[in-house]
Amino acid sequence: METSNTSGAPEQGVSVIVHDVAPAHHAVYESWMKSAIDMHRSFHGYLATDVIRPIGAGLRYVVIIRFLSAADAQAWLQSRVRAAMLKEVEPWLVNEDRYRVHENNEFWFNNRSNGALPKRWKQWLLSTLAVLPLTAVVPRSVRWLASPLAPGVSDVFVLVFTALAISAIMVYWLMPLLSRWAARWLER
């Protein structure tokens, strides 16, 4: 996939990996994930890993790995190291390993009918529309809920829980909803 980079910033490669893990194997998968993240870190071009864990009795783990380039991300996904690691995890998966590689964080905007990505300012505006209400409402709500339920809870815990809540709402609900809602506008 080729994209134009009007910001002048270097393109990053973002791999989004989806694993549906049987609930009985969540603990062993979490342990395996620590080893996998250590492997990501040692790979050329590695920048960061984010893991979105299943909620409640859910199955889905979404692993977002950022690399310096899409080529670096693809190299990791096609590597022998990753293939060997997948052999370990396969018995715990409900479905097969699924992944995609994107440039930058454009994975929310990649399902356009004409195959072209929307203009960056449209991506920014739509993302801002999602982030603004969440950053205004979620932190206050978490603090309001935390004070009577756990009066001595630390600010760090509140901050971590707030970040997890905002990320989950963005990834699982709000951005998919907004990008479908604004699909025609994004394509213009």
N, C-alpha and C. Protein backbone atom coordinates (compact mmCIF):
# COMPACT_ATOMS: atom_id res chain seq x y z
N MET A 1 0.85 -1.16 0.00
CA MET A 1 0.00 0.00 0.00
C MET A 1 0.89 1.23 0.00
N GLU A 2 0.62 2.13 -0.89
CA GLU A 2 1.42 3.34 -0.98
C GLU A 2 0.58 4.52 -0.53
N THR A 3 1.15 5.35 0.34
CA THR A 3 0.42 6.52 0.79
C THR A 3 1.30 7.73 0.65
N SER A 4 0.65 8.88 0.53
CA SER A 4 1.42 10.11 0.51
C SER A 4 1.60 10.59 1.93
N ASN A 5 2.73 11.21 2.18
CA ASN A 5 3.03 11.67 3.52
C ASN A 5 3.20 13.17 3.46
N THR A 6 2.11 13.88 3.69
CA THR A 6 2.15 15.34 3.59
C THR A 6 2.70 15.99 4.84
N SER A 7 2.80 15.25 5.94
CA SER A 7 3.26 15.86 7.18
C SER A 7 4.78 15.97 7.24
N GLY A 8 5.49 15.25 6.37
CA GLY A 8 6.95 15.26 6.41
C GLY A 8 7.51 14.31 7.45
N ALA A 9 6.66 13.74 8.28
CA ALA A 9 7.13 12.79 9.30
C ALA A 9 7.38 11.44 8.64
N PRO A 10 8.34 10.67 9.15
CA PRO A 10 8.60 9.37 8.55
C PRO A 10 7.41 8.43 8.75
N GLU A 11 7.15 7.60 7.74
CA GLU A 11 6.07 6.62 7.83
C GLU A 11 6.47 5.56 8.84
N GLN A 12 5.51 5.08 9.60
CA GLN A 12 5.73 3.97 10.50
C GLN A 12 4.91 2.79 10.01
N GLY A 13 5.38 1.61 10.34
CA GLY A 13 4.62 0.41 10.04
C GLY A 13 3.89 -0.03 11.29
N VAL A 14 2.60 -0.27 11.17
CA VAL A 14 1.79 -0.70 12.31
C VAL A 14 1.19 -2.04 11.96
N SER A 15 1.51 -3.05 12.75
CA SER A 15 0.88 -4.34 12.54
C SER A 15 -0.19 -4.52 13.60
N VAL A 16 -1.35 -4.96 13.16
CA VAL A 16 -2.47 -5.23 14.06
C VAL A 16 -2.73 -6.73 13.99
N ILE A 17 -2.52 -7.40 15.11
CA ILE A 17 -2.66 -8.85 15.18
C ILE A 17 -3.86 -9.17 16.07
N VAL A 18 -4.70 -10.09 15.61
CA VAL A 18 -5.88 -10.49 16.37
C VAL A 18 -5.76 -11.96 16.72
N HIS A 19 -5.88 -12.24 18.01
CA HIS A 19 -5.90 -13.61 18.50
C HIS A 19 -7.14 -13.80 19.36
N ASP A 20 -7.97 -14.76 19.03
CA ASP A 20 -9.09 -15.16 19.88
C ASP A 20 -8.61 -16.35 20.70
N VAL A 21 -8.46 -16.12 22.01
CA VAL A 21 -7.87 -17.11 22.90
C VAL A 21 -8.96 -17.73 23.77
N ALA A 22 -8.96 -19.06 23.85
CA ALA A 22 -9.93 -19.75 24.71
C ALA A 22 -9.76 -19.26 26.14
N PRO A 23 -10.85 -18.96 26.84
CA PRO A 23 -10.76 -18.40 28.20
C PRO A 23 -9.92 -19.25 29.16
N ALA A 24 -9.94 -20.55 29.01
CA ALA A 24 -9.15 -21.42 29.90
C ALA A 24 -7.65 -21.22 29.71
N HIS A 25 -7.25 -20.59 28.62
CA HIS A 25 -5.83 -20.41 28.31
C HIS A 25 -5.35 -18.96 28.43
N HIS A 26 -6.18 -18.07 28.96
CA HIS A 26 -5.78 -16.67 29.06
C HIS A 26 -4.50 -16.49 29.88
N ALA A 27 -4.36 -17.18 31.00
CA ALA A 27 -3.18 -17.02 31.85
C ALA A 27 -1.91 -17.46 31.13
N VAL A 28 -1.95 -18.60 30.46
CA VAL A 28 -0.77 -19.08 29.75
C VAL A 28 -0.48 -18.19 28.54
N TYR A 29 -1.53 -17.67 27.90
CA TYR A 29 -1.33 -16.75 26.79
C TYR A 29 -0.66 -15.46 27.26
N GLU A 30 -1.09 -14.94 28.41
CA GLU A 30 -0.49 -13.73 28.97
C GLU A 30 1.00 -13.95 29.22
N SER A 31 1.36 -15.11 29.72
CA SER A 31 2.77 -15.44 29.95
C SER A 31 3.53 -15.51 28.62
N TRP A 32 2.92 -16.15 27.64
CA TRP A 32 3.51 -16.24 26.30
C TRP A 32 3.68 -14.85 25.71
N MET A 33 2.70 -13.97 25.95
CA MET A 33 2.73 -12.62 25.40
C MET A 33 3.97 -11.86 25.89
N LYS A 34 4.36 -12.06 27.14
CA LYS A 34 5.56 -11.40 27.66
C LYS A 34 6.79 -11.81 26.85
N SER A 35 6.90 -13.09 26.53
CA SER A 35 8.01 -13.56 25.69
C SER A 35 7.93 -12.97 24.29
N ALA A 36 6.71 -12.91 23.75
CA ALA A 36 6.53 -12.36 22.40
C ALA A 36 6.95 -10.89 22.36
N ILE A 37 6.58 -10.14 23.38
CA ILE A 37 6.96 -8.71 23.42
C ILE A 37 8.47 -8.57 23.50
N ASP A 38 9.13 -9.43 24.26
CA ASP A 38 10.61 -9.40 24.30
C ASP A 38 11.19 -9.66 22.91
N MET A 39 10.56 -10.55 22.16
CA MET A 39 11.02 -10.83 20.79
C MET A 39 10.78 -9.62 19.89
N HIS A 40 9.61 -8.97 20.02
CA HIS A 40 9.33 -7.76 19.22
C HIS A 40 10.44 -6.74 19.45
N ARG A 41 10.79 -6.55 20.72
CA ARG A 41 11.77 -5.52 21.08
C ARG A 41 13.13 -5.76 20.44
N SER A 42 13.46 -7.01 20.23
CA SER A 42 14.79 -7.32 19.68
C SER A 42 14.81 -7.27 18.15
N PHE A 43 13.65 -7.04 17.54
CA PHE A 43 13.57 -7.07 16.09
C PHE A 43 13.86 -5.69 15.50
N HIS A 44 14.46 -5.67 14.31
CA HIS A 44 14.85 -4.43 13.64
C HIS A 44 13.66 -3.49 13.45
N GLY A 45 13.83 -2.23 13.82
CA GLY A 45 12.84 -1.20 13.58
C GLY A 45 11.73 -1.14 14.63
N TYR A 46 11.80 -1.97 15.65
CA TYR A 46 10.75 -2.01 16.67
C TYR A 46 10.63 -0.66 17.40
N LEU A 47 9.39 -0.21 17.62
CA LEU A 47 9.14 1.02 18.38
C LEU A 47 8.32 0.77 19.64
N ALA A 48 7.19 0.06 19.54
CA ALA A 48 6.31 -0.12 20.70
C ALA A 48 5.30 -1.23 20.47
N THR A 49 4.77 -1.75 21.58
CA THR A 49 3.71 -2.76 21.52
C THR A 49 2.59 -2.32 22.45
N ASP A 50 1.37 -2.41 21.97
CA ASP A 50 0.18 -2.17 22.79
C ASP A 50 -0.69 -3.41 22.71
N VAL A 51 -1.19 -3.85 23.85
CA VAL A 51 -2.05 -5.02 23.89
C VAL A 51 -3.41 -4.60 24.44
N ILE A 52 -4.45 -4.91 23.69
CA ILE A 52 -5.81 -4.68 24.15
C ILE A 52 -6.36 -6.04 24.53
N ARG A 53 -6.62 -6.19 25.81
CA ARG A 53 -7.05 -7.48 26.35
C ARG A 53 -8.57 -7.64 26.27
N PRO A 54 -9.04 -8.89 26.28
CA PRO A 54 -10.48 -9.11 26.25
C PRO A 54 -11.14 -8.56 27.52
N ILE A 55 -12.38 -8.17 27.38
CA ILE A 55 -13.15 -7.67 28.51
C ILE A 55 -14.02 -8.80 29.03
N GLY A 56 -14.01 -9.01 30.32
CA GLY A 56 -14.84 -10.05 30.93
C GLY A 56 -14.47 -11.43 30.40
N ALA A 57 -15.47 -12.13 29.91
CA ALA A 57 -15.26 -13.49 29.40
C ALA A 57 -14.93 -13.49 27.91
N GLY A 58 -14.56 -12.33 27.37
CA GLY A 58 -14.25 -12.23 25.95
C GLY A 58 -13.03 -13.06 25.56
N LEU A 59 -12.86 -13.23 24.27
CA LEU A 59 -11.78 -14.05 23.72
C LEU A 59 -10.67 -13.22 23.08
N ARG A 60 -11.02 -12.04 22.57
CA ARG A 60 -10.17 -11.31 21.63
C ARG A 60 -9.06 -10.49 22.28
N TYR A 61 -7.82 -10.82 21.88
CA TYR A 61 -6.65 -10.00 22.17
C TYR A 61 -6.28 -9.29 20.87
N VAL A 62 -6.05 -7.99 20.94
CA VAL A 62 -5.59 -7.23 19.79
C VAL A 62 -4.22 -6.68 20.15
N VAL A 63 -3.22 -7.04 19.35
CA VAL A 63 -1.84 -6.63 19.60
C VAL A 63 -1.43 -5.67 18.50
N ILE A 64 -1.07 -4.46 18.90
CA ILE A 64 -0.65 -3.43 17.94
C ILE A 64 0.84 -3.22 18.13
N ILE A 65 1.61 -3.52 17.09
CA ILE A 65 3.08 -3.38 17.16
C ILE A 65 3.50 -2.33 16.16
N ARG A 66 4.25 -1.35 16.63
CA ARG A 66 4.73 -0.26 15.76
C ARG A 66 6.19 -0.48 15.43
N PHE A 67 6.51 -0.30 14.15
CA PHE A 67 7.88 -0.41 13.65
C PHE A 67 8.22 0.87 12.89
N LEU A 68 9.49 1.04 12.59
CA LEU A 68 9.93 2.22 11.85
C LEU A 68 9.31 2.29 10.46
N SER A 69 9.02 1.13 9.86
CA SER A 69 8.45 1.12 8.52
C SER A 69 7.53 -0.08 8.35
N ALA A 70 6.68 0.00 7.33
CA ALA A 70 5.81 -1.13 7.02
C ALA A 70 6.65 -2.35 6.64
N ALA A 71 7.79 -2.14 6.00
CA ALA A 71 8.67 -3.25 5.64
C ALA A 71 9.21 -3.95 6.90
N ASP A 72 9.56 -3.17 7.93
CA ASP A 72 10.02 -3.77 9.19
C ASP A 72 8.90 -4.58 9.84
N ALA A 73 7.68 -4.04 9.82
CA ALA A 73 6.54 -4.75 10.40
C ALA A 73 6.30 -6.06 9.64
N GLN A 74 6.34 -5.99 8.32
CA GLN A 74 6.13 -7.18 7.50
C GLN A 74 7.24 -8.20 7.74
N ALA A 75 8.47 -7.73 7.88
CA ALA A 75 9.59 -8.64 8.14
C ALA A 75 9.38 -9.39 9.44
N TRP A 76 8.90 -8.70 10.49
CA TRP A 76 8.63 -9.38 11.76
C TRP A 76 7.52 -10.42 11.58
N LEU A 77 6.44 -10.04 10.93
CA LEU A 77 5.30 -10.94 10.79
C LEU A 77 5.63 -12.18 9.98
N GLN A 78 6.58 -12.06 9.04
CA GLN A 78 6.96 -13.17 8.19
C GLN A 78 8.20 -13.92 8.71
N SER A 79 8.72 -13.50 9.86
CA SER A 79 9.99 -14.06 10.36
C SER A 79 9.84 -15.49 10.88
N ARG A 80 10.95 -16.19 10.87
CA ARG A 80 10.98 -17.56 11.42
C ARG A 80 10.76 -17.53 12.93
N VAL A 81 11.26 -16.48 13.58
CA VAL A 81 11.09 -16.35 15.03
C VAL A 81 9.60 -16.31 15.37
N ARG A 82 8.85 -15.47 14.68
CA ARG A 82 7.41 -15.36 14.94
C ARG A 82 6.70 -16.67 14.58
N ALA A 83 7.10 -17.31 13.48
CA ALA A 83 6.48 -18.58 13.09
C ALA A 83 6.66 -19.63 14.18
N ALA A 84 7.86 -19.68 14.76
CA ALA A 84 8.12 -20.63 15.85
C ALA A 84 7.28 -20.31 17.08
N MET A 85 7.16 -19.02 17.37
CA MET A 85 6.35 -18.61 18.52
C MET A 85 4.87 -18.94 18.30
N LEU A 86 4.39 -18.81 17.07
CA LEU A 86 3.00 -19.12 16.79
C LEU A 86 2.69 -20.60 16.98
N LYS A 87 3.66 -21.45 16.72
CA LYS A 87 3.46 -22.89 16.94
C LYS A 87 3.10 -23.15 18.40
N GLU A 88 3.74 -22.38 19.32
CA GLU A 88 3.46 -22.54 20.75
C GLU A 88 2.02 -22.13 21.09
N VAL A 89 1.54 -21.06 20.48
CA VAL A 89 0.26 -20.48 20.86
C VAL A 89 -0.94 -21.09 20.13
N GLU A 90 -0.73 -21.74 19.01
CA GLU A 90 -1.82 -22.28 18.21
C GLU A 90 -2.83 -23.13 18.99
N PRO A 91 -2.39 -24.00 19.91
CA PRO A 91 -3.39 -24.80 20.63
C PRO A 91 -4.36 -23.99 21.50
N TRP A 92 -4.01 -22.78 21.84
CA TRP A 92 -4.85 -21.95 22.71
C TRP A 92 -5.81 -21.06 21.94
N LEU A 93 -5.59 -20.97 20.62
CA LEU A 93 -6.39 -20.06 19.80
C LEU A 93 -7.69 -20.72 19.35
N VAL A 94 -8.78 -19.95 19.37
CA VAL A 94 -10.07 -20.42 18.89
C VAL A 94 -10.12 -20.31 17.37
N ASN A 95 -9.52 -19.25 16.82
CA ASN A 95 -9.42 -19.03 15.37
C ASN A 95 -7.95 -18.93 15.00
N GLU A 96 -7.67 -18.92 13.72
CA GLU A 96 -6.28 -18.79 13.28
C GLU A 96 -5.74 -17.38 13.53
N ASP A 97 -4.45 -17.26 13.55
CA ASP A 97 -3.75 -15.98 13.69
C ASP A 97 -4.13 -15.08 12.52
N ARG A 98 -4.55 -13.83 12.83
CA ARG A 98 -4.90 -12.87 11.79
C ARG A 98 -4.11 -11.59 12.02
N TYR A 99 -3.66 -10.98 10.92
CA TYR A 99 -2.94 -9.72 11.06
C TYR A 99 -3.04 -8.90 9.78
N ARG A 100 -2.74 -7.61 9.95
CA ARG A 100 -2.65 -6.66 8.85
C ARG A 100 -1.52 -5.71 9.15
N VAL A 101 -0.93 -5.17 8.10
CA VAL A 101 0.11 -4.16 8.24
C VAL A 101 -0.42 -2.87 7.63
N HIS A 102 -0.23 -1.78 8.36
CA HIS A 102 -0.68 -0.47 7.91
C HIS A 102 0.47 0.52 8.04
N GLU A 103 0.38 1.57 7.30
CA GLU A 103 1.34 2.66 7.46
C GLU A 103 0.75 3.64 8.44
N ASN A 104 1.55 4.03 9.42
CA ASN A 104 1.13 4.91 10.51
C ASN A 104 -0.06 4.30 11.23
N ASN A 105 -0.97 5.10 11.72
CA ASN A 105 -2.13 4.60 12.46
C ASN A 105 -3.38 4.64 11.60
N GLU A 106 -3.23 4.36 10.31
CA GLU A 106 -4.33 4.48 9.37
C GLU A 106 -5.24 3.25 9.34
N PHE A 107 -5.06 2.32 10.27
CA PHE A 107 -5.87 1.11 10.24
C PHE A 107 -7.34 1.38 10.50
N TRP A 108 -7.69 2.51 11.12
CA TRP A 108 -9.10 2.85 11.30
C TRP A 108 -9.72 3.33 10.00
N PHE A 109 -8.92 3.75 9.06
CA PHE A 109 -9.42 4.39 7.86
C PHE A 109 -9.15 3.59 6.58
N ASN A 110 -8.81 2.31 6.68
CA ASN A 110 -8.34 1.58 5.52
C ASN A 110 -9.42 0.86 4.74
N ASN A 111 -10.66 0.91 5.14
CA ASN A 111 -11.70 0.13 4.46
C ASN A 111 -12.49 0.95 3.45
N ARG A 112 -11.89 1.93 2.86
CA ARG A 112 -12.57 2.76 1.87
C ARG A 112 -12.84 1.94 0.61
N SER A 113 -13.95 2.20 -0.04
CA SER A 113 -14.33 1.41 -1.22
C SER A 113 -13.38 1.62 -2.39
N ASN A 114 -12.79 2.81 -2.51
CA ASN A 114 -11.89 3.05 -3.63
C ASN A 114 -10.44 2.70 -3.32
N GLY A 115 -10.16 2.21 -2.11
CA GLY A 115 -8.82 1.80 -1.74
C GLY A 115 -7.90 2.92 -1.32
N ALA A 116 -8.29 4.17 -1.54
CA ALA A 116 -7.44 5.30 -1.17
C ALA A 116 -7.71 5.71 0.27
N LEU A 117 -6.66 6.15 0.93
CA LEU A 117 -6.83 6.65 2.29
C LEU A 117 -7.35 8.08 2.26
N PRO A 118 -8.15 8.45 3.27
CA PRO A 118 -8.64 9.82 3.32
C PRO A 118 -7.50 10.80 3.59
N LYS A 119 -7.76 12.06 3.31
CA LYS A 119 -6.76 13.10 3.60
C LYS A 119 -6.46 13.09 5.09
N ARG A 120 -5.20 13.42 5.41
CA ARG A 120 -4.76 13.41 6.81
C ARG A 120 -5.60 14.33 7.68
N TRP A 121 -5.98 15.50 7.20
CA TRP A 121 -6.74 16.43 8.04
C TRP A 121 -8.11 15.85 8.37
N LYS A 122 -8.67 15.02 7.48
CA LYS A 122 -9.94 14.37 7.77
C LYS A 122 -9.76 13.29 8.83
N GLN A 123 -8.66 12.54 8.73
CA GLN A 123 -8.36 11.53 9.75
C GLN A 123 -8.19 12.21 11.11
N TRP A 124 -7.45 13.32 11.12
CA TRP A 124 -7.22 14.06 12.36
C TRP A 124 -8.54 14.57 12.94
N LEU A 125 -9.38 15.17 12.10
CA LEU A 125 -10.64 15.73 12.57
C LEU A 125 -11.55 14.65 13.15
N LEU A 126 -11.67 13.54 12.46
CA LEU A 126 -12.52 12.46 12.94
C LEU A 126 -11.98 11.88 14.25
N SER A 127 -10.66 11.70 14.34
CA SER A 127 -10.05 11.20 15.58
C SER A 127 -10.26 12.18 16.72
N THR A 128 -10.16 13.47 16.43
CA THR A 128 -10.39 14.49 17.47
C THR A 128 -11.83 14.45 17.95
N LEU A 129 -12.77 14.26 17.03
CA LEU A 129 -14.18 14.14 17.42
C LEU A 129 -14.40 12.96 18.37
N ALA A 130 -13.61 11.92 18.22
CA ALA A 130 -13.73 10.76 19.11
C ALA A 130 -13.03 11.02 20.45
N VAL A 131 -11.84 11.59 20.39
CA VAL A 131 -11.03 11.77 21.60
C VAL A 131 -11.60 12.85 22.52
N LEU A 132 -12.08 13.95 21.96
CA LEU A 132 -12.53 15.08 22.77
C LEU A 132 -13.58 14.71 23.82
N PRO A 133 -14.69 14.10 23.42
CA PRO A 133 -15.67 13.78 24.47
C PRO A 133 -15.15 12.73 25.45
N LEU A 134 -14.35 11.78 24.95
CA LEU A 134 -13.84 10.76 25.85
C LEU A 134 -12.92 11.35 26.91
N THR A 135 -12.04 12.26 26.51
CA THR A 135 -11.12 12.85 27.49
C THR A 135 -11.83 13.81 28.43
N ALA A 136 -13.00 14.29 28.03
CA ALA A 136 -13.77 15.16 28.91
C ALA A 136 -14.63 14.36 29.89
N VAL A 137 -15.13 13.21 29.46
CA VAL A 137 -16.09 12.45 30.27
C VAL A 137 -15.45 11.30 31.06
N VAL A 138 -14.61 10.51 30.42
CA VAL A 138 -14.10 9.29 31.06
C VAL A 138 -13.27 9.57 32.31
N PRO A 139 -12.30 10.50 32.30
CA PRO A 139 -11.52 10.72 33.53
C PRO A 139 -12.40 11.13 34.72
N ARG A 140 -13.35 12.02 34.49
CA ARG A 140 -14.25 12.44 35.58
C ARG A 140 -15.10 11.28 36.07
N SER A 141 -15.58 10.47 35.15
CA SER A 141 -16.41 9.31 35.52
C SER A 141 -15.62 8.30 36.33
N VAL A 142 -14.39 8.04 35.91
CA VAL A 142 -13.56 7.07 36.64
C VAL A 142 -13.28 7.59 38.05
N ARG A 143 -12.92 8.85 38.19
CA ARG A 143 -12.68 9.43 39.53
C ARG A 143 -13.95 9.39 40.38
N TRP A 144 -15.10 9.71 39.77
CA TRP A 144 -16.36 9.71 40.49
C TRP A 144 -16.70 8.30 40.99
N LEU A 145 -16.46 7.29 40.15
CA LEU A 145 -16.72 5.90 40.54
C LEU A 145 -15.70 5.39 41.54
N ALA A 146 -14.44 5.80 41.38
CA ALA A 146 -13.38 5.29 42.23
C ALA A 146 -13.48 5.80 43.66
N SER A 147 -13.89 7.05 43.85
CA SER A 147 -13.89 7.62 45.20
C SER A 147 -14.80 6.87 46.18
N PRO A 148 -16.06 6.53 45.84
CA PRO A 148 -16.84 5.77 46.83
C PRO A 148 -16.50 4.27 46.86
N LEU A 149 -16.09 3.72 45.72
CA LEU A 149 -15.81 2.28 45.66
C LEU A 149 -14.45 1.91 46.24
N ALA A 150 -13.47 2.77 46.01
CA ALA A 150 -12.10 2.53 46.50
C ALA A 150 -11.51 3.86 46.94
N PRO A 151 -11.87 4.33 48.15
CA PRO A 151 -11.50 5.68 48.56
C PRO A 151 -10.00 5.96 48.56
N GLY A 152 -9.17 4.99 48.80
CA GLY A 152 -7.73 5.24 48.86
C GLY A 152 -6.99 4.90 47.58
N VAL A 153 -7.72 4.74 46.48
CA VAL A 153 -7.08 4.33 45.23
C VAL A 153 -6.08 5.41 44.77
N SER A 154 -4.95 4.95 44.27
CA SER A 154 -3.91 5.88 43.85
C SER A 154 -4.25 6.55 42.52
N ASP A 155 -3.65 7.72 42.31
CA ASP A 155 -3.85 8.44 41.06
C ASP A 155 -3.34 7.65 39.87
N VAL A 156 -2.28 6.87 40.08
CA VAL A 156 -1.72 6.06 39.00
C VAL A 156 -2.74 5.03 38.54
N PHE A 157 -3.42 4.39 39.47
CA PHE A 157 -4.43 3.41 39.11
C PHE A 157 -5.56 4.07 38.32
N VAL A 158 -6.00 5.22 38.78
CA VAL A 158 -7.06 5.95 38.08
C VAL A 158 -6.62 6.31 36.67
N LEU A 159 -5.37 6.77 36.54
CA LEU A 159 -4.84 7.14 35.23
C LEU A 159 -4.77 5.93 34.30
N VAL A 160 -4.27 4.80 34.80
CA VAL A 160 -4.16 3.59 33.99
C VAL A 160 -5.55 3.11 33.58
N PHE A 161 -6.48 3.06 34.51
CA PHE A 161 -7.83 2.61 34.19
C PHE A 161 -8.50 3.54 33.18
N THR A 162 -8.27 4.85 33.33
CA THR A 162 -8.82 5.82 32.39
C THR A 162 -8.27 5.59 30.99
N ALA A 163 -6.95 5.39 30.88
CA ALA A 163 -6.33 5.14 29.57
C ALA A 163 -6.88 3.85 28.94
N LEU A 164 -7.01 2.81 29.76
CA LEU A 164 -7.55 1.55 29.24
C LEU A 164 -8.98 1.73 28.76
N ALA A 165 -9.79 2.46 29.52
CA ALA A 165 -11.19 2.67 29.13
C ALA A 165 -11.29 3.48 27.83
N ILE A 166 -10.53 4.56 27.74
CA ILE A 166 -10.57 5.38 26.53
C ILE A 166 -10.10 4.58 25.32
N SER A 167 -9.01 3.84 25.46
CA SER A 167 -8.49 3.03 24.34
C SER A 167 -9.50 1.99 23.90
N ALA A 168 -10.11 1.31 24.85
CA ALA A 168 -11.09 0.27 24.51
C ALA A 168 -12.30 0.88 23.78
N ILE A 169 -12.80 1.99 24.29
CA ILE A 169 -13.95 2.64 23.65
C ILE A 169 -13.59 3.09 22.24
N MET A 170 -12.39 3.66 22.09
CA MET A 170 -11.94 4.13 20.77
C MET A 170 -11.83 2.97 19.79
N VAL A 171 -11.12 1.91 20.17
CA VAL A 171 -10.80 0.82 19.24
C VAL A 171 -12.02 -0.06 18.95
N TYR A 172 -12.78 -0.40 19.98
CA TYR A 172 -13.85 -1.36 19.79
C TYR A 172 -15.18 -0.74 19.36
N TRP A 173 -15.39 0.53 19.67
CA TRP A 173 -16.71 1.07 19.40
C TRP A 173 -16.67 2.38 18.62
N LEU A 174 -16.05 3.40 19.16
CA LEU A 174 -16.22 4.74 18.62
C LEU A 174 -15.58 4.95 17.25
N MET A 175 -14.32 4.58 17.06
CA MET A 175 -13.68 4.80 15.76
C MET A 175 -14.30 3.96 14.65
N PRO A 176 -14.60 2.68 14.89
CA PRO A 176 -15.30 1.95 13.82
C PRO A 176 -16.66 2.58 13.48
N LEU A 177 -17.39 3.03 14.51
CA LEU A 177 -18.68 3.66 14.28
C LEU A 177 -18.52 4.97 13.52
N LEU A 178 -17.61 5.83 13.96
CA LEU A 178 -17.41 7.12 13.30
C LEU A 178 -16.90 6.97 11.87
N SER A 179 -15.97 6.02 11.64
CA SER A 179 -15.44 5.86 10.29
C SER A 179 -16.49 5.31 9.33
N ARG A 180 -17.42 4.47 9.83
CA ARG A 180 -18.54 4.03 8.98
C ARG A 180 -19.51 5.18 8.73
N TRP A 181 -19.81 5.93 9.79
CA TRP A 181 -20.74 7.05 9.70
C TRP A 181 -20.24 8.12 8.72
N ALA A 182 -18.94 8.36 8.74
CA ALA A 182 -18.35 9.43 7.90
C ALA A 182 -17.73 8.89 6.62
N ALA A 183 -18.04 7.68 6.22
CA ALA A 183 -17.38 7.03 5.09
C ALA A 183 -17.45 7.86 3.81
N ARG A 184 -18.60 8.37 3.47
CA ARG A 184 -18.73 9.17 2.23
C ARG A 184 -17.89 10.43 2.30
N TRP A 185 -17.93 11.11 3.44
CA TRP A 185 -17.14 12.33 3.62
C TRP A 185 -15.65 12.02 3.55
N LEU A 186 -15.23 10.92 4.15
CA LEU A 186 -13.81 10.54 4.12
C LEU A 186 -13.33 10.25 2.70
N GLU A 187 -14.20 9.71 1.86
CA GLU A 187 -13.82 9.35 0.48
C GLU A 187 -13.74 10.55 -0.45
N ARG A 188 -14.37 11.66 -0.10
CA ARG A 188 -14.35 12.84 -0.98
C ARG A 188 -13.00 13.50 -0.99
